[in-house]
Amino acid sequence: MTIPAHEPSPENDAVTSQDPEMHVYSTASYESFQRQHVGTVEAEDIDVWFTEWQVAEDGLNVELDERVRWDLVPMDQDWVARLFAGRRTVPLQLDTYADAGCEASDLAKRTLVAGRVARIDQVSVRYEMSTGPVVRGLVPLTGGAMQHSVLSLRQLRAHHGTVVGWIVRVRT
């Protein structure tokens, strides 16, 4: 529920009169209902990206409060920027195909993370037709990622658009 920043008045709000002596003021907010504070990232928290098609293909599941130990690779920051437009950062990802075609020097870029799953956010986007010369076809709406807190990767919540992944917060 949004609490108005001003006192109700006929000038600012819709007025419904049920009785000449009584006025009911309705106040509404146009703020998106998907907006949700994901909490402060503590020094010991690490956000990890899981790509939807890899979760589906490999049958992966992660649950809230689960103890985990993962070997992670750097997250594609261009993808994060397209999804969140600076609203959220995700430094690492679990990529089940990271070993395909990797060289010995790539192993130095790995990060071992162990801890407890403190939060899971389902991420969905809407797509639009690209008008740029480099990318053709459907692309995620820049900055349009929506997040919904879930208890596991297998528990989908109602959402707009297409689920593209999850952000799992690990408390180390």
N, C-alpha and C. Protein backbone atom coordinates (compact mmCIF):
# COMPACT_ATOMS: atom_id res chain seq x y z
N MET A 1 0.84 -1.17 0.00
CA MET A 1 0.00 0.00 0.00
C MET A 1 0.89 1.23 0.00
N THR A 2 0.55 2.18 -0.83
CA THR A 2 1.31 3.41 -0.91
C THR A 2 0.66 4.46 -0.02
N ILE A 3 1.43 5.08 0.83
CA ILE A 3 0.93 6.13 1.70
C ILE A 3 1.17 7.45 0.99
N PRO A 4 0.13 8.26 0.83
CA PRO A 4 0.30 9.50 0.09
C PRO A 4 1.25 10.45 0.81
N ALA A 5 1.97 11.22 0.01
CA ALA A 5 2.92 12.20 0.56
C ALA A 5 2.21 13.49 0.93
N HIS A 6 0.94 13.58 0.65
CA HIS A 6 0.18 14.78 0.95
C HIS A 6 -1.13 14.40 1.62
N GLU A 7 -1.76 15.37 2.25
CA GLU A 7 -3.07 15.15 2.85
C GLU A 7 -4.11 15.07 1.73
N PRO A 8 -5.09 14.18 1.85
CA PRO A 8 -6.14 14.13 0.82
C PRO A 8 -6.85 15.47 0.70
N SER A 9 -7.15 15.84 -0.53
CA SER A 9 -7.90 17.07 -0.76
C SER A 9 -8.62 16.96 -2.09
N PRO A 10 -9.67 17.70 -2.28
CA PRO A 10 -10.39 17.66 -3.55
C PRO A 10 -9.51 18.09 -4.72
N GLU A 11 -8.50 18.92 -4.47
CA GLU A 11 -7.63 19.37 -5.55
C GLU A 11 -6.69 18.27 -6.03
N ASN A 12 -6.27 17.36 -5.13
CA ASN A 12 -5.28 16.35 -5.46
C ASN A 12 -5.85 14.98 -5.76
N ASP A 13 -7.02 14.65 -5.27
CA ASP A 13 -7.52 13.29 -5.32
C ASP A 13 -8.95 13.25 -5.82
N ALA A 14 -9.35 12.05 -6.27
CA ALA A 14 -10.73 11.84 -6.66
C ALA A 14 -11.60 11.86 -5.41
N VAL A 15 -12.73 12.48 -5.49
CA VAL A 15 -13.62 12.59 -4.33
C VAL A 15 -14.89 11.83 -4.63
N THR A 16 -15.27 10.98 -3.69
CA THR A 16 -16.54 10.27 -3.79
C THR A 16 -17.42 10.77 -2.66
N SER A 17 -18.53 11.30 -3.01
CA SER A 17 -19.41 11.84 -1.96
C SER A 17 -20.54 10.85 -1.73
N GLN A 18 -20.60 10.33 -0.49
CA GLN A 18 -21.68 9.43 -0.11
C GLN A 18 -22.73 10.18 0.70
N ASP A 19 -22.32 11.25 1.26
CA ASP A 19 -23.18 12.04 2.13
C ASP A 19 -22.67 13.47 2.00
N PRO A 20 -23.51 14.46 1.95
CA PRO A 20 -23.02 15.83 1.81
C PRO A 20 -22.04 16.23 2.91
N GLU A 21 -22.13 15.62 4.06
CA GLU A 21 -21.24 15.95 5.17
C GLU A 21 -19.96 15.11 5.17
N MET A 22 -19.91 14.05 4.35
CA MET A 22 -18.77 13.12 4.40
C MET A 22 -18.17 12.97 3.00
N HIS A 23 -16.83 13.04 2.93
CA HIS A 23 -16.11 12.83 1.68
C HIS A 23 -15.16 11.67 1.85
N VAL A 24 -15.06 10.81 0.83
CA VAL A 24 -14.09 9.72 0.82
C VAL A 24 -13.07 10.07 -0.25
N TYR A 25 -11.81 10.13 0.13
CA TYR A 25 -10.75 10.48 -0.79
C TYR A 25 -10.01 9.22 -1.21
N SER A 26 -9.82 9.04 -2.52
CA SER A 26 -9.06 7.89 -3.03
C SER A 26 -7.73 8.38 -3.55
N THR A 27 -6.68 7.79 -3.06
CA THR A 27 -5.34 8.17 -3.50
C THR A 27 -4.72 6.98 -4.21
N ALA A 28 -4.10 7.20 -5.34
CA ALA A 28 -3.48 6.11 -6.09
C ALA A 28 -2.04 6.46 -6.42
N SER A 29 -1.26 5.44 -6.62
CA SER A 29 0.13 5.62 -7.00
C SER A 29 0.35 4.96 -8.35
N TYR A 30 1.15 5.59 -9.18
CA TYR A 30 1.47 5.01 -10.48
C TYR A 30 2.79 4.26 -10.45
N GLU A 31 3.35 4.05 -9.28
CA GLU A 31 4.61 3.32 -9.16
C GLU A 31 4.37 1.86 -9.49
N SER A 32 5.27 1.25 -10.24
CA SER A 32 5.14 -0.13 -10.69
C SER A 32 5.03 -1.07 -9.50
N PHE A 33 4.08 -2.01 -9.56
CA PHE A 33 3.93 -2.95 -8.46
C PHE A 33 5.05 -3.98 -8.44
N GLN A 34 5.83 -4.12 -9.51
CA GLN A 34 6.94 -5.06 -9.52
C GLN A 34 8.15 -4.52 -8.78
N ARG A 35 8.19 -3.24 -8.51
CA ARG A 35 9.34 -2.65 -7.84
C ARG A 35 9.47 -3.25 -6.46
N GLN A 36 10.61 -3.84 -6.19
CA GLN A 36 10.81 -4.50 -4.91
C GLN A 36 12.26 -4.33 -4.51
N HIS A 37 12.47 -3.88 -3.29
CA HIS A 37 13.83 -3.72 -2.80
C HIS A 37 14.39 -5.10 -2.53
N VAL A 38 15.52 -5.42 -3.12
CA VAL A 38 16.08 -6.77 -2.98
C VAL A 38 17.00 -6.89 -1.79
N GLY A 39 17.07 -5.87 -0.99
CA GLY A 39 17.89 -5.94 0.21
C GLY A 39 19.30 -5.47 -0.05
N THR A 40 19.94 -5.07 0.99
CA THR A 40 21.32 -4.62 0.89
C THR A 40 22.23 -5.82 0.74
N VAL A 41 23.16 -5.72 -0.17
CA VAL A 41 24.14 -6.79 -0.34
C VAL A 41 25.20 -6.60 0.73
N GLU A 42 25.26 -7.54 1.65
CA GLU A 42 26.25 -7.50 2.71
C GLU A 42 27.61 -7.87 2.13
N ALA A 43 28.67 -7.57 2.86
CA ALA A 43 30.03 -7.87 2.39
C ALA A 43 30.20 -9.35 2.11
N GLU A 44 29.48 -10.20 2.84
CA GLU A 44 29.64 -11.64 2.66
C GLU A 44 28.62 -12.23 1.68
N ASP A 45 27.80 -11.40 1.03
CA ASP A 45 26.82 -11.87 0.05
C ASP A 45 27.37 -11.78 -1.37
N ILE A 46 27.06 -12.79 -2.17
CA ILE A 46 27.48 -12.80 -3.57
C ILE A 46 26.26 -13.18 -4.41
N ASP A 47 25.95 -12.37 -5.43
CA ASP A 47 24.86 -12.68 -6.35
C ASP A 47 25.40 -13.48 -7.52
N VAL A 48 24.67 -14.56 -7.85
CA VAL A 48 25.08 -15.50 -8.91
C VAL A 48 23.94 -15.64 -9.90
N TRP A 49 24.26 -15.55 -11.19
CA TRP A 49 23.26 -15.68 -12.25
C TRP A 49 23.14 -17.13 -12.70
N PHE A 50 21.89 -17.57 -12.90
CA PHE A 50 21.58 -18.87 -13.50
C PHE A 50 20.76 -18.61 -14.75
N THR A 51 21.21 -19.10 -15.89
CA THR A 51 20.51 -18.90 -17.16
C THR A 51 19.38 -19.91 -17.28
N GLU A 52 18.21 -19.45 -17.69
CA GLU A 52 17.00 -20.28 -17.73
C GLU A 52 17.19 -21.54 -18.56
N TRP A 53 17.75 -21.44 -19.76
CA TRP A 53 17.82 -22.63 -20.61
C TRP A 53 18.79 -23.67 -20.05
N GLN A 54 19.84 -23.23 -19.34
CA GLN A 54 20.75 -24.20 -18.73
C GLN A 54 20.08 -24.90 -17.54
N VAL A 55 19.29 -24.15 -16.77
CA VAL A 55 18.56 -24.74 -15.64
C VAL A 55 17.60 -25.81 -16.18
N ALA A 56 16.87 -25.48 -17.25
CA ALA A 56 15.91 -26.42 -17.83
C ALA A 56 16.62 -27.64 -18.43
N GLU A 57 17.67 -27.39 -19.20
CA GLU A 57 18.36 -28.48 -19.89
C GLU A 57 19.07 -29.43 -18.93
N ASP A 58 19.67 -28.89 -17.89
CA ASP A 58 20.45 -29.72 -16.96
C ASP A 58 19.65 -30.16 -15.74
N GLY A 59 18.38 -29.72 -15.64
CA GLY A 59 17.55 -30.12 -14.51
C GLY A 59 18.06 -29.57 -13.18
N LEU A 60 18.67 -28.37 -13.21
CA LEU A 60 19.22 -27.78 -11.99
C LEU A 60 18.10 -27.30 -11.07
N ASN A 61 18.35 -27.38 -9.79
CA ASN A 61 17.45 -26.78 -8.81
C ASN A 61 18.27 -26.26 -7.65
N VAL A 62 17.87 -25.12 -7.13
CA VAL A 62 18.46 -24.51 -5.95
C VAL A 62 17.29 -24.07 -5.09
N GLU A 63 17.41 -24.27 -3.78
CA GLU A 63 16.34 -23.89 -2.87
C GLU A 63 16.86 -22.93 -1.81
N LEU A 64 15.96 -22.10 -1.32
CA LEU A 64 16.28 -21.17 -0.25
C LEU A 64 16.82 -21.94 0.95
N ASP A 65 17.85 -21.41 1.59
CA ASP A 65 18.52 -21.99 2.76
C ASP A 65 19.39 -23.20 2.45
N GLU A 66 19.50 -23.57 1.19
CA GLU A 66 20.35 -24.70 0.81
C GLU A 66 21.83 -24.32 0.95
N ARG A 67 22.64 -25.27 1.39
CA ARG A 67 24.10 -25.08 1.43
C ARG A 67 24.63 -25.42 0.05
N VAL A 68 25.48 -24.53 -0.51
CA VAL A 68 25.99 -24.74 -1.86
C VAL A 68 27.50 -24.55 -1.91
N ARG A 69 28.10 -25.10 -2.95
CA ARG A 69 29.52 -24.92 -3.24
C ARG A 69 29.65 -24.98 -4.76
N TRP A 70 29.95 -23.83 -5.35
CA TRP A 70 29.97 -23.72 -6.81
C TRP A 70 31.28 -23.16 -7.31
N ASP A 71 31.66 -23.61 -8.49
CA ASP A 71 32.80 -23.08 -9.22
C ASP A 71 32.21 -22.15 -10.29
N LEU A 72 32.43 -20.85 -10.16
CA LEU A 72 31.73 -19.86 -10.97
C LEU A 72 32.66 -19.13 -11.93
N VAL A 73 32.06 -18.55 -12.96
CA VAL A 73 32.80 -17.75 -13.94
C VAL A 73 32.23 -16.33 -13.93
N PRO A 74 32.98 -15.36 -14.47
CA PRO A 74 32.46 -13.98 -14.52
C PRO A 74 31.18 -13.90 -15.35
N MET A 75 30.27 -13.08 -14.91
CA MET A 75 29.00 -12.87 -15.59
C MET A 75 29.20 -11.92 -16.77
N ASP A 76 28.45 -12.13 -17.82
CA ASP A 76 28.45 -11.26 -18.99
C ASP A 76 27.83 -9.91 -18.58
N GLN A 77 28.65 -8.90 -18.38
CA GLN A 77 28.18 -7.62 -17.88
C GLN A 77 27.35 -6.84 -18.91
N ASP A 78 27.56 -7.10 -20.20
CA ASP A 78 26.71 -6.47 -21.22
C ASP A 78 25.26 -6.95 -21.08
N TRP A 79 25.10 -8.25 -20.78
CA TRP A 79 23.75 -8.81 -20.60
C TRP A 79 23.10 -8.21 -19.35
N VAL A 80 23.85 -8.12 -18.25
CA VAL A 80 23.33 -7.53 -17.01
C VAL A 80 22.91 -6.08 -17.25
N ALA A 81 23.74 -5.34 -17.97
CA ALA A 81 23.43 -3.93 -18.26
C ALA A 81 22.17 -3.82 -19.10
N ARG A 82 21.99 -4.71 -20.07
CA ARG A 82 20.79 -4.67 -20.90
C ARG A 82 19.55 -4.96 -20.06
N LEU A 83 19.65 -5.95 -19.16
CA LEU A 83 18.50 -6.34 -18.36
C LEU A 83 18.13 -5.29 -17.32
N PHE A 84 19.14 -4.80 -16.58
CA PHE A 84 18.86 -3.97 -15.41
C PHE A 84 19.22 -2.50 -15.57
N ALA A 85 19.93 -2.13 -16.60
CA ALA A 85 20.30 -0.72 -16.85
C ALA A 85 20.87 -0.06 -15.60
N GLY A 86 21.76 -0.76 -14.89
CA GLY A 86 22.43 -0.20 -13.74
C GLY A 86 21.71 -0.35 -12.41
N ARG A 87 20.48 -0.92 -12.41
CA ARG A 87 19.72 -1.07 -11.17
C ARG A 87 20.26 -2.20 -10.29
N ARG A 88 20.97 -3.13 -10.88
CA ARG A 88 21.45 -4.28 -10.12
C ARG A 88 22.73 -4.81 -10.76
N THR A 89 23.62 -5.32 -9.94
CA THR A 89 24.85 -5.92 -10.44
C THR A 89 24.86 -7.41 -10.11
N VAL A 90 25.45 -8.18 -11.00
CA VAL A 90 25.60 -9.62 -10.79
C VAL A 90 27.00 -9.98 -11.30
N PRO A 91 27.94 -10.23 -10.39
CA PRO A 91 29.32 -10.42 -10.81
C PRO A 91 29.66 -11.81 -11.36
N LEU A 92 28.91 -12.84 -10.94
CA LEU A 92 29.29 -14.21 -11.28
C LEU A 92 28.11 -14.99 -11.82
N GLN A 93 28.41 -16.09 -12.53
CA GLN A 93 27.36 -16.97 -13.02
C GLN A 93 27.79 -18.42 -12.93
N LEU A 94 26.81 -19.29 -12.77
CA LEU A 94 27.05 -20.71 -12.86
C LEU A 94 26.79 -21.07 -14.32
N ASP A 95 27.83 -21.42 -15.04
CA ASP A 95 27.74 -21.73 -16.47
C ASP A 95 28.16 -23.18 -16.66
N THR A 96 27.19 -24.04 -16.92
CA THR A 96 27.50 -25.47 -17.05
C THR A 96 28.27 -25.78 -18.32
N TYR A 97 28.39 -24.82 -19.22
CA TYR A 97 29.13 -25.03 -20.46
C TYR A 97 30.45 -24.25 -20.49
N ALA A 98 30.87 -23.72 -19.35
CA ALA A 98 32.07 -22.89 -19.30
C ALA A 98 33.33 -23.65 -19.67
N ASP A 99 33.34 -24.96 -19.46
CA ASP A 99 34.53 -25.75 -19.77
C ASP A 99 34.69 -26.03 -21.27
N ALA A 100 33.62 -25.89 -22.03
CA ALA A 100 33.68 -26.17 -23.47
C ALA A 100 34.60 -25.17 -24.15
N GLY A 101 35.68 -25.67 -24.70
CA GLY A 101 36.62 -24.82 -25.43
C GLY A 101 37.43 -23.88 -24.58
N CYS A 102 37.51 -24.12 -23.25
CA CYS A 102 38.28 -23.20 -22.42
C CYS A 102 39.75 -23.61 -22.39
N GLU A 103 40.57 -22.62 -22.19
CA GLU A 103 42.01 -22.85 -22.11
C GLU A 103 42.46 -22.78 -20.66
N ALA A 104 43.69 -23.20 -20.41
CA ALA A 104 44.22 -23.22 -19.04
C ALA A 104 44.17 -21.83 -18.40
N SER A 105 44.38 -20.78 -19.18
CA SER A 105 44.35 -19.42 -18.63
C SER A 105 42.96 -19.04 -18.14
N ASP A 106 41.91 -19.67 -18.69
CA ASP A 106 40.54 -19.38 -18.27
C ASP A 106 40.25 -19.88 -16.86
N LEU A 107 40.99 -20.89 -16.41
CA LEU A 107 40.77 -21.44 -15.08
C LEU A 107 41.09 -20.42 -13.99
N ALA A 108 41.98 -19.48 -14.28
CA ALA A 108 42.34 -18.44 -13.31
C ALA A 108 41.18 -17.48 -13.07
N LYS A 109 40.21 -17.44 -13.98
CA LYS A 109 39.07 -16.53 -13.86
C LYS A 109 37.95 -17.14 -13.03
N ARG A 110 38.12 -18.37 -12.58
CA ARG A 110 37.10 -19.07 -11.80
C ARG A 110 37.09 -18.57 -10.36
N THR A 111 35.90 -18.59 -9.75
CA THR A 111 35.75 -18.21 -8.35
C THR A 111 34.98 -19.32 -7.65
N LEU A 112 35.55 -19.84 -6.59
CA LEU A 112 34.87 -20.85 -5.79
C LEU A 112 34.06 -20.15 -4.71
N VAL A 113 32.75 -20.44 -4.67
CA VAL A 113 31.86 -19.83 -3.69
C VAL A 113 31.17 -20.95 -2.92
N ALA A 114 31.19 -20.83 -1.60
CA ALA A 114 30.48 -21.78 -0.74
C ALA A 114 29.71 -20.99 0.30
N GLY A 115 28.49 -21.43 0.58
CA GLY A 115 27.68 -20.74 1.57
C GLY A 115 26.25 -21.23 1.56
N ARG A 116 25.37 -20.38 2.08
CA ARG A 116 23.95 -20.68 2.19
C ARG A 116 23.16 -19.76 1.28
N VAL A 117 22.17 -20.31 0.59
CA VAL A 117 21.32 -19.50 -0.29
C VAL A 117 20.41 -18.63 0.57
N ALA A 118 20.58 -17.31 0.43
CA ALA A 118 19.84 -16.35 1.25
C ALA A 118 18.64 -15.75 0.50
N ARG A 119 18.65 -15.80 -0.83
CA ARG A 119 17.57 -15.21 -1.62
C ARG A 119 17.64 -15.76 -3.03
N ILE A 120 16.48 -15.91 -3.67
CA ILE A 120 16.40 -16.31 -5.08
C ILE A 120 15.41 -15.37 -5.76
N ASP A 121 15.86 -14.71 -6.82
CA ASP A 121 14.98 -13.83 -7.60
C ASP A 121 14.82 -14.40 -9.00
N GLN A 122 13.58 -14.64 -9.38
CA GLN A 122 13.24 -15.02 -10.75
C GLN A 122 13.28 -13.75 -11.59
N VAL A 123 13.93 -13.79 -12.74
CA VAL A 123 14.06 -12.60 -13.59
C VAL A 123 13.33 -12.85 -14.91
N SER A 124 12.42 -11.95 -15.25
CA SER A 124 11.72 -12.05 -16.52
C SER A 124 11.84 -10.73 -17.27
N VAL A 125 11.71 -10.83 -18.59
CA VAL A 125 11.81 -9.64 -19.45
C VAL A 125 10.76 -9.71 -20.55
N ARG A 126 10.49 -8.57 -21.11
CA ARG A 126 9.69 -8.49 -22.33
C ARG A 126 10.66 -8.20 -23.47
N TYR A 127 10.33 -8.68 -24.63
CA TYR A 127 11.19 -8.50 -25.79
C TYR A 127 10.62 -7.47 -26.75
N GLU A 128 11.51 -6.84 -27.52
CA GLU A 128 11.13 -5.89 -28.56
C GLU A 128 11.99 -6.18 -29.79
N MET A 129 11.55 -5.71 -30.93
CA MET A 129 12.34 -5.88 -32.16
C MET A 129 13.50 -4.90 -32.13
N SER A 130 14.67 -5.39 -32.42
CA SER A 130 15.86 -4.55 -32.46
C SER A 130 15.81 -3.64 -33.68
N THR A 131 16.22 -2.41 -33.47
CA THR A 131 16.31 -1.46 -34.59
C THR A 131 17.77 -1.17 -34.91
N GLY A 132 18.68 -1.76 -34.16
CA GLY A 132 20.10 -1.52 -34.36
C GLY A 132 20.66 -2.34 -35.52
N PRO A 133 21.77 -1.88 -36.09
CA PRO A 133 22.36 -2.58 -37.23
C PRO A 133 23.15 -3.84 -36.81
N VAL A 134 23.58 -3.92 -35.57
CA VAL A 134 24.42 -5.05 -35.13
C VAL A 134 23.57 -6.25 -34.74
N VAL A 135 22.52 -6.01 -33.97
CA VAL A 135 21.66 -7.11 -33.49
C VAL A 135 20.32 -7.01 -34.20
N ARG A 136 19.91 -8.13 -34.79
CA ARG A 136 18.62 -8.16 -35.47
C ARG A 136 17.71 -9.14 -34.75
N GLY A 137 16.42 -8.90 -34.84
CA GLY A 137 15.46 -9.79 -34.20
C GLY A 137 15.02 -9.28 -32.84
N LEU A 138 14.54 -10.19 -32.02
CA LEU A 138 14.03 -9.83 -30.70
C LEU A 138 15.16 -9.68 -29.69
N VAL A 139 15.09 -8.62 -28.90
CA VAL A 139 16.06 -8.37 -27.83
C VAL A 139 15.28 -7.95 -26.58
N PRO A 140 15.85 -8.22 -25.39
CA PRO A 140 15.16 -7.78 -24.16
C PRO A 140 15.04 -6.27 -24.12
N LEU A 141 13.92 -5.79 -23.63
CA LEU A 141 13.70 -4.37 -23.44
C LEU A 141 14.75 -3.86 -22.45
N THR A 142 15.57 -2.91 -22.86
CA THR A 142 16.66 -2.41 -22.01
C THR A 142 16.12 -1.87 -20.70
N GLY A 143 16.66 -2.40 -19.59
CA GLY A 143 16.27 -1.96 -18.26
C GLY A 143 14.93 -2.50 -17.80
N GLY A 144 14.31 -3.36 -18.59
CA GLY A 144 12.96 -3.82 -18.27
C GLY A 144 12.87 -5.10 -17.47
N ALA A 145 13.98 -5.59 -16.93
CA ALA A 145 13.94 -6.83 -16.16
C ALA A 145 13.07 -6.67 -14.92
N MET A 146 12.23 -7.67 -14.68
CA MET A 146 11.37 -7.70 -13.49
C MET A 146 11.83 -8.86 -12.61
N GLN A 147 11.82 -8.65 -11.30
CA GLN A 147 12.30 -9.66 -10.36
C GLN A 147 11.19 -10.05 -9.41
N HIS A 148 11.11 -11.34 -9.14
CA HIS A 148 10.13 -11.86 -8.19
C HIS A 148 10.85 -12.85 -7.28
N SER A 149 10.74 -12.66 -5.98
CA SER A 149 11.36 -13.56 -5.03
C SER A 149 10.65 -14.92 -5.05
N VAL A 150 11.43 -16.01 -5.11
CA VAL A 150 10.88 -17.36 -5.12
C VAL A 150 11.64 -18.22 -4.11
N LEU A 151 11.09 -19.39 -3.80
CA LEU A 151 11.72 -20.29 -2.85
C LEU A 151 12.68 -21.27 -3.50
N SER A 152 12.54 -21.49 -4.82
CA SER A 152 13.45 -22.39 -5.54
C SER A 152 13.40 -22.07 -7.03
N LEU A 153 14.33 -22.64 -7.79
CA LEU A 153 14.35 -22.42 -9.23
C LEU A 153 13.16 -23.09 -9.90
N ARG A 154 12.60 -24.07 -9.26
CA ARG A 154 11.47 -24.81 -9.85
C ARG A 154 10.12 -24.20 -9.53
N GLN A 155 10.08 -23.23 -8.63
CA GLN A 155 8.82 -22.58 -8.26
C GLN A 155 8.69 -21.29 -9.04
N LEU A 156 8.02 -21.32 -10.17
CA LEU A 156 7.83 -20.11 -10.97
C LEU A 156 6.69 -19.29 -10.39
N ARG A 157 6.86 -17.97 -10.42
CA ARG A 157 5.80 -17.05 -10.01
C ARG A 157 5.20 -16.42 -11.25
N ALA A 158 3.99 -15.94 -11.11
CA ALA A 158 3.34 -15.22 -12.20
C ALA A 158 4.23 -14.05 -12.59
N HIS A 159 4.35 -13.79 -13.88
CA HIS A 159 5.26 -12.75 -14.35
C HIS A 159 4.81 -12.25 -15.72
N HIS A 160 5.34 -11.11 -16.10
CA HIS A 160 5.13 -10.57 -17.44
C HIS A 160 6.34 -10.96 -18.27
N GLY A 161 6.13 -11.24 -19.53
CA GLY A 161 7.26 -11.55 -20.40
C GLY A 161 7.72 -12.99 -20.27
N THR A 162 9.03 -13.17 -20.42
CA THR A 162 9.66 -14.49 -20.45
C THR A 162 10.71 -14.59 -19.36
N VAL A 163 10.70 -15.69 -18.63
CA VAL A 163 11.74 -15.91 -17.62
C VAL A 163 13.06 -16.18 -18.35
N VAL A 164 14.09 -15.40 -18.00
CA VAL A 164 15.40 -15.57 -18.65
C VAL A 164 16.44 -16.10 -17.68
N GLY A 165 16.13 -16.10 -16.38
CA GLY A 165 17.10 -16.62 -15.43
C GLY A 165 16.70 -16.32 -14.00
N TRP A 166 17.66 -16.59 -13.11
CA TRP A 166 17.49 -16.34 -11.68
C TRP A 166 18.77 -15.73 -11.14
N ILE A 167 18.61 -14.91 -10.12
CA ILE A 167 19.76 -14.41 -9.37
C ILE A 167 19.67 -15.04 -7.99
N VAL A 168 20.70 -15.80 -7.66
CA VAL A 168 20.75 -16.49 -6.38
C VAL A 168 21.77 -15.76 -5.51
N ARG A 169 21.32 -15.29 -4.35
CA ARG A 169 22.21 -14.62 -3.42
C ARG A 169 22.75 -15.65 -2.43
N VAL A 170 24.08 -15.77 -2.40
CA VAL A 170 24.75 -16.72 -1.50
C VAL A 170 25.40 -15.94 -0.38
N ARG A 171 25.09 -16.32 0.86
CA ARG A 171 25.73 -15.73 2.03
C ARG A 171 26.88 -16.64 2.41
N THR A 172 28.10 -16.11 2.26
CA THR A 172 29.31 -16.91 2.51
C THR A 172 29.71 -16.89 3.97
